[in-house]
Structure formats: C-alpha cells, structure tokens
C-alpha cells in the first residue's frame, strides 16, 4: 500500500468488552469520506507509519440493531465493530483508527 491510497478512519466511541487480549468489541463511527471501512480491513492506530508491514488488528464483524450485519461501514455511520489481533491493548475509548485493505495475498488469495 502506498501513502496516496485512501484509508478509512474509525473513532472508537465505547469499549463494550475485551473477551481476550486478542479480541475487542467496541462501538465505532466511520469518519472518512475517502473510503468506507470494510469487513476484513486491517486496522492500525492512526499515528502508525503508513508502511507498517504487520497490521495489529483486523475487522471481523460489524453489526447494529435493527439493521443486522454490515460488510461496509460508510462515513458517519456507527456500529458495533469486533476486532481481532495479537495484542489490542492500544484500542481504547476515543482511539482513532486507520482501516486499510488487507495485505495482498494473505487473505484474498486471488489473482485478478
């Protein structure tokens, strides 16, 4: 990924639970007009370097009652967002997160 590609931005509004050090369930709002946040996106702290090789988290679920599950969270929408990663202690109330497409070849496995 280059620094010129659009990124999604999330603001963490509430931390609901931390079932483990590797999983966080929070309520977050998408605040980027450049790009929505997608299921499967890699999530990093907004101040992390753009060329970070190993993203510390991944969006594994987005949902909101009464609408149900989302695969895309557009700007100004908020939802319950579940994140998984090796250590998510950096995901806190009012954290600003950068969402980017997953690294090529790791999860998609398709040549297109």
C-alpha atoms as a PDB file:
ATOM      1  CA  UNK A   1       0.000   0.000   0.000  1.00  0.00           C
ATOM      2  CA  UNK A   2       1.228   3.488  -0.771  1.00  0.00           C
ATOM      3  CA  UNK A   3       0.527   6.575   1.289  1.00  0.00           C
ATOM      4  CA  UNK A   4      -1.608   8.023  -1.554  1.00  0.00           C
ATOM      5  CA  UNK A   5      -4.301   5.325  -1.318  1.00  0.00           C
ATOM      6  CA  UNK A   6      -7.438   6.395   0.558  1.00  0.00           C
ATOM      7  CA  UNK A   7      -7.932   4.983   4.040  1.00  0.00           C
ATOM      8  CA  UNK A   8     -10.972   4.503   6.230  1.00  0.00           C
ATOM      9  CA  UNK A   9     -10.981   6.157   9.639  1.00  0.00           C
ATOM     10  CA  UNK A  10     -12.788   4.965  12.762  1.00  0.00           C
ATOM     11  CA  UNK A  11     -13.348   6.765  16.055  1.00  0.00           C
ATOM     12  CA  UNK A  12     -13.895   4.412  18.998  1.00  0.00           C
ATOM     13  CA  UNK A  13     -16.914   5.654  20.969  1.00  0.00           C
ATOM     14  CA  UNK A  14     -17.409   2.821  23.506  1.00  0.00           C
ATOM     15  CA  UNK A  15     -15.469  -0.271  24.541  1.00  0.00           C
ATOM     16  CA  UNK A  16     -18.077  -2.957  25.237  1.00  0.00           C
ATOM     17  CA  UNK A  17     -15.852  -5.876  26.136  1.00  0.00           C
ATOM     18  CA  UNK A  18     -12.436  -7.463  25.848  1.00  0.00           C
ATOM     19  CA  UNK A  19     -13.143 -11.200  25.807  1.00  0.00           C
ATOM     20  CA  UNK A  20      -9.378 -11.771  25.441  1.00  0.00           C
ATOM     21  CA  UNK A  21      -6.176  -9.838  24.762  1.00  0.00           C
ATOM     22  CA  UNK A  22      -6.683 -10.745  21.087  1.00  0.00           C
ATOM     23  CA  UNK A  23     -10.296  -9.532  20.706  1.00  0.00           C
ATOM     24  CA  UNK A  24     -12.102  -6.220  21.352  1.00  0.00           C
ATOM     25  CA  UNK A  25     -15.786  -5.410  20.869  1.00  0.00           C
ATOM     26  CA  UNK A  26     -16.360  -1.655  20.550  1.00  0.00           C
ATOM     27  CA  UNK A  27     -18.785   0.869  19.102  1.00  0.00           C
ATOM     28  CA  UNK A  28     -17.093   2.985  16.444  1.00  0.00           C
ATOM     29  CA  UNK A  29     -18.039   5.636  13.900  1.00  0.00           C
ATOM     30  CA  UNK A  30     -16.638   5.787  10.371  1.00  0.00           C
ATOM     31  CA  UNK A  31     -15.372   9.344   9.838  1.00  0.00           C
ATOM     32  CA  UNK A  32     -13.571   9.185   6.484  1.00  0.00           C
ATOM     33  CA  UNK A  33     -15.201  10.490   3.333  1.00  0.00           C
ATOM     34  CA  UNK A  34     -12.353   8.985   1.267  1.00  0.00           C
ATOM     35  CA  UNK A  35     -13.153   5.312   1.886  1.00  0.00           C
ATOM     36  CA  UNK A  36     -15.663   3.269   3.904  1.00  0.00           C
ATOM     37  CA  UNK A  37     -14.478   0.634   6.361  1.00  0.00           C
ATOM     38  CA  UNK A  38     -14.906  -2.936   5.077  1.00  0.00           C
ATOM     39  CA  UNK A  39     -15.199  -6.300   6.793  1.00  0.00           C
ATOM     40  CA  UNK A  40     -11.726  -7.845   6.738  1.00  0.00           C
ATOM     41  CA  UNK A  41      -9.886  -4.499   6.710  1.00  0.00           C
ATOM     42  CA  UNK A  42      -6.642  -4.235   8.629  1.00  0.00           C
ATOM     43  CA  UNK A  43      -6.821  -1.688  11.443  1.00  0.00           C
ATOM     44  CA  UNK A  44      -3.939   0.300  12.882  1.00  0.00           C
ATOM     45  CA  UNK A  45      -3.615   3.289  15.221  1.00  0.00           C
ATOM     46  CA  UNK A  46      -3.995   6.421  13.083  1.00  0.00           C
ATOM     47  CA  UNK A  47      -0.499   7.594  14.039  1.00  0.00           C
ATOM     48  CA  UNK A  48       1.235   4.347  12.959  1.00  0.00           C
ATOM     49  CA  UNK A  49       3.583   4.547   9.962  1.00  0.00           C
ATOM     50  CA  UNK A  50       1.808   4.110   6.590  1.00  0.00           C
ATOM     51  CA  UNK A  51       4.158   1.298   5.540  1.00  0.00           C
ATOM     52  CA  UNK A  52       3.552  -0.892   8.597  1.00  0.00           C
ATOM     53  CA  UNK A  53       4.197  -4.477   7.479  1.00  0.00           C
ATOM     54  CA  UNK A  54       2.112  -6.401  10.014  1.00  0.00           C
ATOM     55  CA  UNK A  55      -1.250  -4.823  10.900  1.00  0.00           C
ATOM     56  CA  UNK A  56      -2.064  -5.356  14.562  1.00  0.00           C
ATOM     57  CA  UNK A  57      -5.824  -5.939  14.100  1.00  0.00           C
ATOM     58  CA  UNK A  58      -8.499  -6.993  11.611  1.00  0.00           C
ATOM     59  CA  UNK A  59     -12.215  -6.114  11.382  1.00  0.00           C
ATOM     60  CA  UNK A  60     -14.006  -9.450  11.884  1.00  0.00           C
ATOM     61  CA  UNK A  61     -17.600  -8.297  12.406  1.00  0.00           C
ATOM     62  CA  UNK A  62     -19.705  -5.118  12.116  1.00  0.00           C
ATOM     63  CA  UNK A  63     -23.333  -5.038  13.206  1.00  0.00           C
ATOM     64  CA  UNK A  64     -26.071  -2.781  14.549  1.00  0.00           C
ATOM     65  CA  UNK A  65     -29.638  -3.429  15.624  1.00  0.00           C
ATOM     66  CA  UNK A  66     -32.131  -3.425  13.935  1.00  0.00           C
ATOM     67  CA  UNK A  67     -30.091  -3.437  10.691  1.00  0.00           C
ATOM     68  CA  UNK A  68     -28.037  -6.576  11.330  1.00  0.00           C
ATOM     69  CA  UNK A  69     -24.613  -7.356   9.876  1.00  0.00           C
ATOM     70  CA  UNK A  70     -22.581  -4.978   7.674  1.00  0.00           C
ATOM     71  CA  UNK A  71     -19.862  -5.693   5.139  1.00  0.00           C
ATOM     72  CA  UNK A  72     -19.225  -1.954   4.649  1.00  0.00           C
ATOM     73  CA  UNK A  73     -19.461   0.949   7.093  1.00  0.00           C
ATOM     74  CA  UNK A  74     -19.823   4.261   5.199  1.00  0.00           C
ATOM     75  CA  UNK A  75     -18.909   7.699   6.536  1.00  0.00           C
ATOM     76  CA  UNK A  76     -20.904   8.992   9.523  1.00  0.00           C
ATOM     77  CA  UNK A  77     -22.389   5.566  10.275  1.00  0.00           C
ATOM     78  CA  UNK A  78     -21.574   3.859  13.549  1.00  0.00           C
ATOM     79  CA  UNK A  79     -21.823   0.211  14.532  1.00  0.00           C
ATOM     80  CA  UNK A  80     -20.530  -2.436  16.888  1.00  0.00           C
ATOM     81  CA  UNK A  81     -17.107  -3.362  15.487  1.00  0.00           C
ATOM     82  CA  UNK A  82     -15.284  -6.506  16.534  1.00  0.00           C
ATOM     83  CA  UNK A  83     -11.520  -6.521  16.104  1.00  0.00           C
ATOM     84  CA  UNK A  84      -9.019  -9.383  16.353  1.00  0.00           C
ATOM     85  CA  UNK A  85      -5.237  -9.168  16.553  1.00  0.00           C
ATOM     86  CA  UNK A  86      -2.158 -10.252  18.504  1.00  0.00           C
ATOM     87  CA  UNK A  87      -2.403  -7.532  21.203  1.00  0.00           C
ATOM     88  CA  UNK A  88      -5.215  -4.990  21.185  1.00  0.00           C
ATOM     89  CA  UNK A  89      -4.327  -3.084  24.362  1.00  0.00           C
ATOM     90  CA  UNK A  90      -3.932   0.038  22.174  1.00  0.00           C
ATOM     91  CA  UNK A  91      -7.675   0.036  21.310  1.00  0.00           C
ATOM     92  CA  UNK A  92      -9.096   2.443  23.892  1.00  0.00           C
ATOM     93  CA  UNK A  93     -12.034   4.838  24.324  1.00  0.00           C
ATOM     94  CA  UNK A  94     -11.693   7.732  21.827  1.00  0.00           C
ATOM     95  CA  UNK A  95      -8.910   5.955  19.891  1.00  0.00           C
ATOM     96  CA  UNK A  96      -8.567   6.973  16.258  1.00  0.00           C
ATOM     97  CA  UNK A  97      -8.034   4.001  13.954  1.00  0.00           C
ATOM     98  CA  UNK A  98      -6.931   3.743  10.331  1.00  0.00           C
ATOM     99  CA  UNK A  99      -8.578   0.983   8.256  1.00  0.00           C
ATOM    100  CA  UNK A 100      -6.799  -0.262   5.123  1.00  0.00           C
ATOM    101  CA  UNK A 101      -7.337  -3.200   2.750  1.00  0.00           C
ATOM    102  CA  UNK A 102      -5.737  -6.438   3.964  1.00  0.00           C
ATOM    103  CA  UNK A 103      -2.232  -7.138   2.674  1.00  0.00           C
ATOM    104  CA  UNK A 104      -2.224  -8.628  -0.840  1.00  0.00           C
ATOM    105  CA  UNK A 105      -2.074 -12.406  -0.907  1.00  0.00           C
ATOM    106  CA  UNK A 106      -2.704 -13.008   2.793  1.00  0.00           C
ATOM    107  CA  UNK A 107      -6.464 -13.314   2.889  1.00  0.00           C
ATOM    108  CA  UNK A 108      -7.787 -12.901  -0.613  1.00  0.00           C
ATOM    109  CA  UNK A 109      -5.585 -15.394  -2.395  1.00  0.00           C
ATOM    110  CA  UNK A 110      -6.945 -14.425  -5.807  1.00  0.00           C
ATOM    111  CA  UNK A 111      -5.127 -13.029  -8.774  1.00  0.00           C
ATOM    112  CA  UNK A 112      -7.246 -10.724 -10.738  1.00  0.00           C
END
